[in-house]
Protein backbone atom coordinates (compact mmCIF):
# COMPACT_ATOMS: atom_id res chain seq x y z
CA MET A 1 23.67 -15.20 15.04
CA SER A 2 23.66 -15.82 11.30
CA ILE A 3 21.36 -17.98 9.22
CA PHE A 4 22.06 -19.17 5.70
CA SER A 5 19.41 -20.91 3.61
CA LEU A 6 19.45 -22.33 0.09
CA PHE A 7 16.29 -22.57 -1.95
CA SER A 8 15.68 -23.72 -5.53
CA ARG A 9 12.62 -23.47 -7.76
CA SER A 10 12.57 -24.31 -11.49
CA SER A 11 15.45 -22.41 -13.08
CA ALA A 12 15.97 -20.06 -10.11
CA ALA A 13 18.26 -20.52 -7.13
CA LEU A 14 17.93 -18.25 -4.16
CA PHE A 15 20.59 -17.62 -1.51
CA ALA A 16 19.74 -15.70 1.62
CA GLY A 17 21.90 -14.57 4.51
CA GLY A 18 20.62 -12.94 7.66
CA LEU A 19 22.19 -11.26 10.67
CA LEU A 20 20.34 -10.52 13.89
CA PHE A 21 21.71 -8.95 17.03
CA HIS A 22 19.95 -7.80 20.15
CA ALA A 23 20.75 -6.75 23.68
CA PRO A 24 20.03 -7.73 26.38
CA LEU A 25 19.53 -11.49 25.93
CA HIS A 26 16.99 -13.48 27.95
CA ALA A 27 17.33 -17.08 29.04
CA HIS A 28 13.64 -17.91 28.56
CA THR A 29 11.23 -16.81 25.84
CA THR A 30 7.47 -17.21 25.51
CA GLU A 31 5.81 -17.53 22.12
CA LEU A 32 2.77 -15.23 21.96
CA ASP A 33 -0.30 -15.44 19.74
CA THR A 34 -0.04 -13.48 16.50
CA LEU A 35 -1.85 -10.18 16.95
CA VAL A 36 -3.95 -8.50 14.27
CA VAL A 37 -2.78 -4.88 14.35
CA SER A 38 -5.17 -3.58 11.66
CA GLY A 39 -8.39 -4.72 13.29
CA ALA A 40 -10.81 -2.79 15.45
CA SER A 41 -8.83 -4.00 18.46
CA GLN A 42 -5.45 -5.67 18.69
CA GLN A 43 -6.33 -9.29 19.31
CA SER A 44 -5.29 -12.83 18.52
CA ILE A 45 -5.79 -13.91 14.93
CA TYR A 46 -8.04 -16.73 16.16
CA ASP A 47 -10.42 -14.28 17.89
CA THR A 48 -11.20 -12.11 14.86
CA ALA A 49 -14.65 -12.33 13.28
CA GLN A 50 -13.33 -12.32 9.71
CA PRO A 51 -10.62 -14.35 7.99
CA VAL A 52 -7.26 -12.64 8.43
CA THR A 53 -4.04 -13.61 6.66
CA ILE A 54 -0.75 -12.62 8.26
CA LEU A 55 2.75 -13.11 6.84
CA ASN A 56 5.32 -12.73 9.61
CA LYS A 57 8.96 -11.68 9.33
CA ASP A 58 10.28 -15.23 8.82
CA GLN A 59 7.79 -15.89 6.01
CA LEU A 60 8.68 -12.63 4.29
CA ASP A 61 12.42 -13.29 4.52
CA ALA A 62 11.98 -16.77 3.04
CA ASN A 63 9.93 -15.49 0.09
CA SER A 64 11.80 -14.79 -3.13
CA GLY A 65 9.26 -12.28 -4.44
CA ASN A 66 10.30 -8.65 -4.87
CA THR A 67 6.84 -7.14 -5.34
CA LEU A 68 3.83 -7.04 -3.06
CA GLY A 69 1.71 -9.03 -5.51
CA THR A 70 4.36 -11.74 -5.84
CA LEU A 71 4.76 -12.03 -2.06
CA LEU A 72 1.04 -12.67 -1.62
CA SER A 73 0.31 -14.65 -4.81
CA ASN A 74 0.59 -18.04 -3.06
CA THR A 75 -2.00 -17.04 -0.47
CA PRO A 76 -5.43 -18.63 -1.09
CA GLY A 77 -7.82 -16.15 -2.70
CA ILE A 78 -5.08 -13.73 -3.80
CA ALA A 79 -3.64 -13.35 -7.31
CA ASN A 80 -0.99 -11.05 -8.75
CA ALA A 81 -1.73 -8.37 -11.36
CA ASP A 82 1.61 -7.64 -12.98
CA PHE A 83 3.23 -6.16 -16.07
CA GLY A 84 6.54 -7.99 -15.71
CA ALA A 85 8.84 -8.70 -12.81
CA GLY A 86 9.10 -5.10 -11.62
CA VAL A 87 5.48 -4.52 -10.64
CA GLY A 88 2.77 -6.56 -8.92
CA ARG A 89 -0.43 -5.57 -7.14
CA PRO A 90 -2.60 -8.05 -5.21
CA VAL A 91 -6.01 -9.07 -6.55
CA ILE A 92 -8.21 -10.33 -3.70
CA ARG A 93 -11.14 -12.63 -4.49
CA GLY A 94 -11.19 -11.33 -8.04
CA MET A 95 -11.32 -7.67 -6.98
CA SER A 96 -8.55 -5.23 -7.79
CA GLY A 97 -7.82 -1.54 -8.29
CA SER A 98 -9.49 0.80 -5.80
CA ARG A 99 -11.43 -2.11 -4.30
CA VAL A 100 -8.20 -3.28 -2.64
CA LYS A 101 -6.55 -0.67 -0.40
CA ILE A 102 -2.77 -0.74 0.13
CA LEU A 103 -1.57 0.67 3.46
CA GLN A 104 1.79 1.43 5.04
CA ASN A 105 1.50 1.21 8.83
CA GLY A 106 -2.22 1.93 8.62
CA SER A 107 -1.93 4.96 6.31
CA ASP A 108 -2.74 4.99 2.60
CA ALA A 109 0.24 4.27 0.34
CA SER A 110 -1.03 7.26 -1.73
CA ASP A 111 0.22 6.05 -5.08
CA LEU A 112 -1.52 5.52 -8.43
CA SER A 113 -1.21 1.73 -8.53
CA ALA A 114 -5.01 1.34 -8.59
CA MET A 115 -5.10 3.34 -11.83
CA SER A 116 -3.28 0.73 -13.94
CA SER A 117 -1.58 -2.63 -13.43
CA ASP A 118 1.74 -1.30 -14.71
CA HIS A 119 1.88 1.17 -11.78
CA ALA A 120 3.81 -0.28 -8.85
CA PRO A 121 2.42 0.05 -5.31
CA MET A 122 4.70 2.31 -3.27
CA ALA A 123 4.80 -0.05 -0.31
CA GLU A 124 8.15 -1.81 0.10
CA ALA A 125 8.07 -5.11 1.98
CA SER A 126 11.82 -5.61 2.44
CA SER A 127 11.80 -4.11 5.95
CA ALA A 128 8.26 -5.11 6.95
CA GLU A 129 7.73 -6.95 10.22
CA GLN A 130 4.47 -8.43 8.96
CA ILE A 131 1.84 -8.06 6.24
CA GLU A 132 -1.84 -8.28 7.10
CA ILE A 133 -4.72 -8.95 4.72
CA ILE A 134 -7.98 -7.88 6.40
CA TYR A 135 -11.54 -8.51 5.25
CA GLY A 136 -14.92 -7.51 6.63
CA PRO A 137 -15.99 -4.67 8.95
CA SER A 138 -12.47 -3.75 10.08
CA THR A 139 -11.66 -2.50 6.57
CA LEU A 140 -14.06 0.41 7.16
CA ILE A 141 -11.51 1.98 9.49
CA TYR A 142 -9.32 2.71 6.46
CA GLY A 143 -11.90 3.52 3.78
CA GLY A 144 -15.36 2.58 2.60
CA GLY A 145 -14.49 1.25 -0.85
CA ALA A 146 -12.14 -1.59 0.08
CA ILE A 147 -14.71 -4.34 -0.39
CA GLY A 148 -11.97 -6.65 -1.66
CA GLY A 149 -9.83 -6.16 1.43
CA VAL A 150 -7.03 -4.17 3.01
CA VAL A 151 -3.33 -5.04 2.67
CA ASN A 152 -1.32 -3.41 5.45
CA LEU A 153 2.49 -3.47 5.56
CA ILE A 154 3.73 -2.99 9.12
CA ASP A 155 7.39 -2.02 9.50
CA ARG A 156 7.32 -0.46 12.99
CA ARG A 157 9.63 2.40 12.03
CA ILE A 158 8.01 4.42 14.79
CA HIS A 159 8.30 2.29 17.93
CA GLU A 160 5.19 2.00 20.07
CA GLN A 161 7.02 0.35 22.98
CA PRO A 162 10.37 1.35 24.51
CA GLN A 163 13.44 -0.75 23.86
CA GLU A 164 16.85 -0.70 25.45
CA GLY A 165 20.08 -1.37 23.61
CA VAL A 166 20.83 -1.99 19.95
CA SER A 167 19.05 -4.41 17.63
CA GLY A 168 19.07 -4.87 13.89
CA ASP A 169 18.60 -7.10 10.91
CA VAL A 170 20.56 -7.63 7.69
CA ASN A 171 19.33 -9.74 4.77
CA ALA A 172 20.72 -10.58 1.35
CA HIS A 173 19.06 -12.56 -1.44
CA TYR A 174 20.37 -13.71 -4.81
CA SER A 175 18.33 -15.22 -7.67
CA SER A 176 19.96 -16.91 -10.63
CA VAL A 177 16.93 -16.68 -12.93
CA ASP A 178 17.52 -12.94 -13.38
CA GLN A 179 20.99 -12.52 -11.85
CA GLY A 180 19.28 -10.41 -9.24
CA TYR A 181 20.19 -9.39 -5.72
CA ASN A 182 18.26 -7.78 -2.91
CA THR A 183 19.95 -6.41 0.21
CA ASN A 184 18.31 -4.63 3.10
CA ALA A 185 19.33 -3.63 6.60
CA LEU A 186 17.81 -1.90 9.61
CA ILE A 187 19.09 -0.93 13.03
CA ASP A 188 17.43 0.43 16.17
CA PHE A 189 19.19 2.34 18.94
CA GLY A 190 17.16 2.45 22.14
CA HIS A 191 17.86 4.33 25.37
CA GLN A 192 15.27 4.73 28.09
CA ASN A 193 12.13 6.01 26.30
CA TRP A 194 13.81 7.04 23.03
CA THR A 195 14.43 4.91 19.93
CA LEU A 196 16.25 5.88 16.72
CA HIS A 197 15.46 3.74 13.68
CA LEU A 198 17.51 3.57 10.46
CA GLU A 199 16.86 1.36 7.44
CA GLY A 200 17.68 1.01 3.76
CA PHE A 201 17.45 -1.42 0.85
CA LYS A 202 18.89 -1.86 -2.64
CA ARG A 203 17.60 -4.23 -5.31
CA ASP A 204 18.68 -4.94 -8.88
CA ALA A 205 17.68 -7.64 -11.38
CA ASP A 206 18.49 -8.28 -15.05
CA ASN A 207 16.10 -9.65 -17.69
CA TYR A 208 14.83 -13.00 -16.45
CA ARG A 209 15.12 -16.33 -18.28
CA SER A 210 11.97 -17.68 -19.83
CA GLY A 211 12.91 -21.26 -18.96
CA ARG A 212 13.33 -22.30 -22.60
CA ALA A 213 16.17 -21.99 -25.06
CA SER A 214 13.82 -20.64 -27.72
CA ASP A 215 13.21 -16.95 -27.99
CA ALA A 216 9.98 -15.20 -27.12
CA PRO A 217 9.47 -13.59 -29.55
CA LYS A 218 11.74 -15.56 -31.86
CA GLY A 219 15.00 -13.88 -32.73
CA TYR A 220 14.85 -11.30 -29.97
CA ASN A 221 15.08 -12.49 -26.36
CA LYS A 222 17.67 -15.26 -26.77
CA GLY A 223 16.23 -17.22 -23.87
CA ARG A 224 15.42 -14.15 -21.77
CA ILE A 225 12.41 -11.86 -21.62
CA GLY A 226 13.42 -8.50 -23.04
CA ASN A 227 12.96 -5.33 -20.98
CA SER A 228 12.02 -7.26 -17.83
CA ASP A 229 14.85 -5.88 -15.70
CA SER A 230 14.12 -3.84 -12.59
CA ASN A 231 15.79 -2.06 -9.71
CA GLY A 232 14.77 -0.20 -6.60
CA GLN A 233 16.19 1.58 -3.60
CA GLY A 234 14.99 3.43 -0.56
CA GLY A 235 15.49 4.19 3.09
CA ALA A 236 13.96 5.68 6.20
CA VAL A 237 14.89 7.39 9.44
CA ALA A 238 12.55 7.62 12.44
CA LEU A 239 12.73 8.89 16.01
CA SER A 240 10.16 7.93 18.63
CA TRP A 241 9.43 8.30 22.35
CA ALA A 242 7.45 5.54 24.01
CA ASP A 243 6.19 4.60 27.44
CA ALA A 244 4.79 1.13 28.03
CA ASP A 245 1.78 2.49 29.91
CA THR A 246 0.93 5.98 28.67
CA GLY A 247 1.62 5.79 24.91
CA PHE A 248 4.09 6.93 22.26
CA PHE A 249 4.94 9.71 19.81
CA GLY A 250 7.23 9.66 16.78
CA ALA A 251 8.07 10.89 13.30
CA SER A 252 9.65 9.31 10.22
CA ILE A 253 10.95 10.35 6.82
CA SER A 254 11.23 7.78 4.03
CA THR A 255 12.12 7.70 0.36
CA LEU A 256 11.38 5.04 -2.26
CA GLU A 257 12.36 4.76 -5.94
CA TYR A 258 11.74 2.09 -8.57
CA ASP A 259 12.83 1.74 -12.19
CA TYR A 260 11.44 -1.22 -14.11
CA GLY A 261 10.73 -2.27 -17.68
CA VAL A 262 7.41 -3.36 -19.16
CA PRO A 263 8.06 -6.39 -21.42
CA ASN A 264 7.11 -5.58 -25.00
CA LEU A 265 7.12 -7.58 -28.21
CA ASP A 266 8.75 -4.66 -30.01
CA PRO A 267 12.44 -4.25 -29.05
CA HIS A 268 12.43 -0.71 -30.46
CA HIS A 269 9.89 0.51 -27.88
CA GLU A 270 11.25 -0.47 -24.50
CA PHE A 271 8.83 1.24 -22.14
CA ARG A 272 9.95 1.86 -18.58
CA VAL A 273 8.20 3.11 -15.46
CA VAL A 274 10.05 5.24 -12.88
CA PRO A 275 7.99 6.11 -9.77
CA LYS A 276 9.47 8.09 -6.87
CA GLN A 277 8.04 8.87 -3.47
CA MET A 278 8.98 11.02 -0.49
CA ARG A 279 6.89 10.37 2.60
CA TYR A 280 6.62 12.08 6.00
CA ASP A 281 4.75 10.50 8.92
CA ILE A 282 3.88 11.73 12.40
CA LYS A 283 1.92 9.51 14.75
CA GLY A 284 1.20 9.07 18.40
CA ALA A 285 -1.11 7.38 20.88
CA TRP A 286 -2.30 8.10 24.40
CA ARG A 287 -3.48 5.41 26.82
CA PRO A 288 -5.37 6.97 29.74
CA ASP A 289 -5.28 5.34 33.15
CA ALA A 290 -8.22 2.96 33.55
CA SER A 291 -9.19 4.62 36.84
CA SER A 292 -9.35 8.16 35.40
CA VAL A 293 -12.38 10.02 34.01
CA LEU A 294 -11.34 8.95 30.51
CA GLY A 295 -10.63 5.40 31.61
CA TRP A 296 -13.17 4.10 29.09
CA ILE A 297 -10.57 4.93 26.39
CA GLU A 298 -8.12 2.11 25.88
CA GLU A 299 -6.09 4.07 23.31
CA TRP A 300 -6.49 7.34 21.40
CA ARG A 301 -4.33 7.24 18.26
CA THR A 302 -3.66 10.06 15.77
CA GLU A 303 -1.67 9.75 12.54
CA LEU A 304 -0.67 12.43 10.03
CA SER A 305 1.14 11.73 6.75
CA PHE A 306 2.28 13.74 3.73
CA ASN A 307 3.19 12.02 0.47
CA ASP A 308 4.97 13.56 -2.53
CA TYR A 309 4.67 11.11 -5.45
CA GLU A 310 5.95 11.41 -9.01
CA HIS A 311 5.64 8.77 -11.69
CA ALA A 312 7.27 8.85 -15.14
CA GLU A 313 6.65 6.49 -18.07
CA THR A 314 9.41 6.52 -20.65
CA GLU A 315 10.56 5.11 -23.93
CA PRO A 316 14.04 5.76 -25.35
CA GLY A 317 14.59 9.52 -25.43
CA LEU A 318 11.08 10.49 -24.32
CA ASN A 319 8.87 10.87 -21.25
CA VAL A 320 5.52 9.68 -22.61
CA GLY A 321 3.74 9.90 -19.27
CA LEU A 322 4.19 12.07 -16.21
CA PHE A 323 2.02 11.85 -13.07
CA ASP A 324 2.44 14.27 -10.18
CA GLN A 325 0.48 13.77 -6.96
CA GLU A 326 0.65 15.29 -3.49
CA SER A 327 -1.55 14.12 -0.65
CA TRP A 328 -2.20 14.69 3.05
CA GLU A 329 -3.97 12.23 5.33
CA LEU A 330 -5.10 12.69 8.94
CA GLN A 331 -6.73 9.96 10.98
CA SER A 332 -7.75 10.04 14.63
CA ARG A 333 -9.40 7.01 16.21
CA ILE A 334 -10.33 5.88 19.69
CA ARG A 335 -10.28 2.26 20.78
CA HIS A 336 -12.58 1.97 23.78
CA ARG A 337 -12.75 -0.57 26.56
CA PHE A 338 -15.75 -2.82 27.03
CA MET A 339 -19.08 -1.01 27.25
CA GLY A 340 -21.33 -3.77 28.37
CA GLU A 341 -20.35 -6.63 26.08
CA TRP A 342 -19.06 -4.45 23.22
CA SER A 343 -15.58 -3.14 22.47
CA GLY A 344 -14.30 -1.47 19.33
CA THR A 345 -12.98 1.57 17.51
CA PHE A 346 -14.51 4.80 16.19
CA GLY A 347 -12.92 7.85 14.63
CA LEU A 348 -12.50 10.46 11.93
CA GLN A 349 -10.42 10.53 8.75
CA ALA A 350 -9.56 13.36 6.34
CA LYS A 351 -7.55 13.22 3.14
CA PHE A 352 -6.59 15.84 0.55
CA GLN A 353 -5.10 14.88 -2.81
CA GLU A 354 -3.92 16.97 -5.76
CA LEU A 355 -3.23 15.21 -9.08
CA ALA A 356 -1.85 16.50 -12.38
CA LEU A 357 -0.62 14.49 -15.36
CA CYS A 358 0.61 14.55 -18.93
CA HIS A 359 0.43 11.63 -21.37
CA ASP A 360 1.86 12.27 -24.82
CA HIS A 361 3.74 9.85 -27.10
CA HIS A 362 5.49 12.87 -28.59
CA GLY A 363 7.03 13.58 -25.19
CA CYS A 364 6.14 15.19 -21.84
CA ASP A 365 8.54 17.89 -20.69
CA GLY A 366 6.25 18.62 -17.75
CA ILE A 367 2.63 19.11 -16.87
CA ALA A 368 1.09 21.12 -19.71
CA HIS A 369 -0.30 24.59 -19.13
CA ILE A 370 -2.58 25.93 -21.86
CA THR A 371 -2.69 29.74 -21.82
CA GLU A 372 -5.26 30.20 -24.58
CA ALA A 373 -8.77 31.14 -23.51
CA TRP A 374 -11.40 28.44 -23.16
CA ASP A 375 -13.33 28.19 -26.43
CA GLY A 376 -16.42 26.57 -24.90
CA ASN A 377 -16.64 23.90 -27.60
CA LYS A 378 -17.04 20.20 -26.98
CA GLY A 379 -13.95 18.18 -27.78
CA THR A 380 -13.52 14.85 -29.51
CA SER A 381 -14.54 12.88 -26.41
CA PHE A 382 -11.27 10.93 -26.36
CA LYS A 383 -11.56 9.74 -29.96
CA GLN A 384 -8.59 8.39 -31.87
CA LYS A 385 -5.81 10.77 -32.81
CA SER A 386 -2.67 9.78 -34.71
CA GLY A 387 -3.58 6.12 -34.35
CA PHE A 388 -3.84 6.09 -30.54
CA SER A 389 -7.14 5.03 -29.03
CA PHE A 390 -6.88 7.29 -25.98
CA ALA A 391 -6.35 11.00 -25.66
CA HIS A 392 -2.80 12.21 -25.23
CA ASP A 393 -1.09 15.49 -24.49
CA THR A 394 -3.01 16.46 -21.33
CA PRO A 395 -6.15 14.31 -21.46
CA MET A 396 -7.58 15.12 -18.03
CA PRO A 397 -7.86 18.20 -15.81
CA THR A 398 -5.79 18.84 -12.75
CA THR A 399 -7.90 17.75 -9.79
CA LYS A 400 -8.17 18.36 -6.06
CA THR A 401 -9.97 15.77 -3.94
CA LEU A 402 -11.04 16.33 -0.33
CA GLN A 403 -12.42 13.36 1.57
CA THR A 404 -13.73 13.35 5.13
CA GLY A 405 -15.18 10.31 6.84
CA MET A 406 -16.51 8.89 10.09
CA PHE A 407 -16.42 5.22 11.04
CA ILE A 408 -17.25 2.82 13.84
CA VAL A 409 -16.44 -0.88 14.24
CA GLU A 410 -17.73 -2.82 17.25
CA GLN A 411 -17.14 -6.39 18.36
CA ARG A 412 -18.50 -8.76 21.00
CA ASP A 413 -18.51 -12.42 21.86
CA TRP A 414 -21.66 -14.48 21.44
CA ALA A 415 -22.62 -18.02 22.33
CA TYR A 416 -20.84 -19.59 19.36
CA GLY A 417 -17.95 -17.21 18.62
CA THR A 418 -17.48 -13.55 17.74
CA LEU A 419 -19.74 -10.92 16.17
CA GLU A 420 -18.42 -7.76 14.47
CA LEU A 421 -20.39 -4.82 13.04
CA GLY A 422 -19.10 -1.79 11.12
CA ALA A 423 -20.41 1.41 9.51
CA ARG A 424 -18.79 4.28 7.65
CA ILE A 425 -19.96 7.47 5.93
CA ASP A 426 -17.77 9.73 3.77
CA HIS A 427 -18.18 13.08 2.08
CA ILE A 428 -16.01 13.52 -1.03
CA ARG A 429 -15.57 16.63 -3.15
CA ILE A 430 -13.61 16.61 -6.43
CA GLU A 431 -12.64 19.93 -8.00
CA ALA A 432 -11.35 19.97 -11.57
CA ASN A 433 -9.41 22.64 -13.48
CA PRO A 434 -9.74 21.91 -17.22
CA ASP A 435 -7.50 24.73 -18.46
CA PRO A 436 -4.43 22.47 -18.97
CA ILE A 437 -6.38 20.13 -21.27
CA GLY A 438 -5.50 20.28 -24.95
CA HIS A 439 -8.21 21.99 -27.00
CA SER A 440 -9.11 18.94 -29.04
CA TYR A 441 -9.93 16.98 -25.88
CA ARG A 442 -11.95 19.54 -23.96
CA GLN A 443 -15.57 18.80 -23.11
CA GLU A 444 -18.21 21.38 -22.35
CA ARG A 445 -17.05 23.41 -19.36
CA SER A 446 -19.98 22.15 -17.26
CA TYR A 447 -18.51 18.65 -17.64
CA TYR A 448 -15.82 19.75 -15.17
CA ASP A 449 -18.12 21.19 -12.51
CA ASP A 450 -17.31 20.19 -8.93
CA LYS A 451 -18.53 16.70 -8.03
CA THR A 452 -19.68 15.63 -4.56
CA PHE A 453 -20.43 12.13 -3.25
CA THR A 454 -21.61 10.76 0.09
CA PRO A 455 -21.02 7.00 0.06
CA THR A 456 -22.22 4.89 2.99
CA SER A 457 -21.03 1.40 3.85
CA LEU A 458 -22.29 -1.22 6.32
CA SER A 459 -20.67 -4.54 7.14
CA ALA A 460 -21.21 -7.43 9.52
CA ALA A 461 -19.28 -10.61 10.24
CA ALA A 462 -19.54 -13.52 12.65
CA THR A 463 -17.73 -16.72 13.51
CA TRP A 464 -19.17 -20.05 14.58
CA ILE A 465 -16.58 -22.03 16.54
CA LEU A 466 -16.96 -25.77 15.92
CA ASN A 467 -14.04 -26.92 18.07
CA ASP A 468 -10.58 -25.77 19.18
CA GLU A 469 -9.20 -25.97 15.64
CA GLN A 470 -12.18 -25.37 13.34
CA ARG A 471 -14.64 -22.54 12.85
CA LEU A 472 -16.99 -21.14 10.24
CA GLY A 473 -17.03 -17.51 9.14
CA PHE A 474 -19.96 -15.50 7.78
CA SER A 475 -20.03 -11.97 6.40
CA VAL A 476 -22.37 -9.59 4.63
CA ALA A 477 -21.61 -6.09 3.34
CA ARG A 478 -23.39 -3.25 1.60
CA VAL A 479 -20.72 -0.95 0.17
CA GLN A 480 -20.74 2.30 -1.80
CA ARG A 481 -17.56 3.68 -3.34
CA ALA A 482 -17.09 7.12 -4.88
CA PRO A 483 -15.05 7.23 -8.11
CA GLU A 484 -11.45 8.36 -8.03
CA ALA A 485 -10.63 11.55 -9.92
CA SER A 486 -8.76 9.52 -12.53
CA GLU A 487 -11.80 7.28 -13.02
CA LEU A 488 -13.98 10.34 -13.68
CA TYR A 489 -11.72 12.13 -16.15
CA TRP A 490 -9.13 9.67 -17.53
């Protein structure tokens, strides 16, 4: 089956082609309620205690946006923080940065997009089955600081249910406003309990037209916005074993690369950002028999991910910024059956992150390593140097962050709808090594002593059902968030 659609908006025309094949075919199909995967329990979107926004596969395929922020920018309450066409991060109810958590299949995207709006989120939506925006207590499952909300891209690389036969999807988009194209494909091979998943995408776009014949700035763009071009590519392979009753286990390897310009009024300083990511995921779930000793457990899920992320910021002939981050994340959570009138999820989460960076307009060949002894003097406290208002060279120490957390989210029905309660406590330790910092930017050594934080968050939400099609939602939250290492030292 093939579907071809033609869309037009202002000066852009979009052409999309799709191919879907599946075996075996069924004569009758039943449309099911949309399930919220990221909540405390997988349930219908109508039964959740907090507003939930879900973009399904058809909505994603019909959207011309290439970035996560662009895809969600037409959703009420969500804006796009962007530095040109190549990067966009969602702003939810006016909150951005670390207050909005970006997830890939329930695990942290582990990028540095919260650090600055010109850093692209490393979460590619081209192969996503759905995108969920979650508010309220359920966000505590993924971290205590996401008071704005959680954006979870679900691509189902690791299959949680068995499939038989071969299925796949191919899409192609073209946009005339930037002479851009976006192609992506995925295919699944299923036999008995095993499924092999392959996917890949390629995207490329030129400088986009401003919609006017005049230049912006005059004499430079000639009707197009200079240095607004972008491209990206990536792929994944995954193998999983699944049983419809007892659970699943699987592993995936994925790679993602972007290269995009940051529009600048000065044509002689065409800054570009080039992030790269290699990601490894292992996850599984066990569903005990309801009649067994552990029958109170509906599902016990464990997920382990490793992320190797590198981010370069360039201008012609120079790397002016280099960010290197490695991170591990382990999460184990139990979704329990009804205990009295309550059901929900509780669990543990641990994350380790190591970050090093260089930022120097004279060029970064790598992460600096200062071999001279510490002089013990206080530096210039990030004062101006050579006309730049922020410190360069190596302005912050290399850091190691260890975070451990416990959470619980419970839900029950009440006379007028649904009630949901959540709590989370974390312990965070940030270790800093100031030796790589340039001498003129060093603080007193005690400034870099280990930092510890124990943030606690509580949240509650309820719905009041007025009729079959209308309901009211209420929520209250008391949230603490520990600073990121970059917020402490950058």
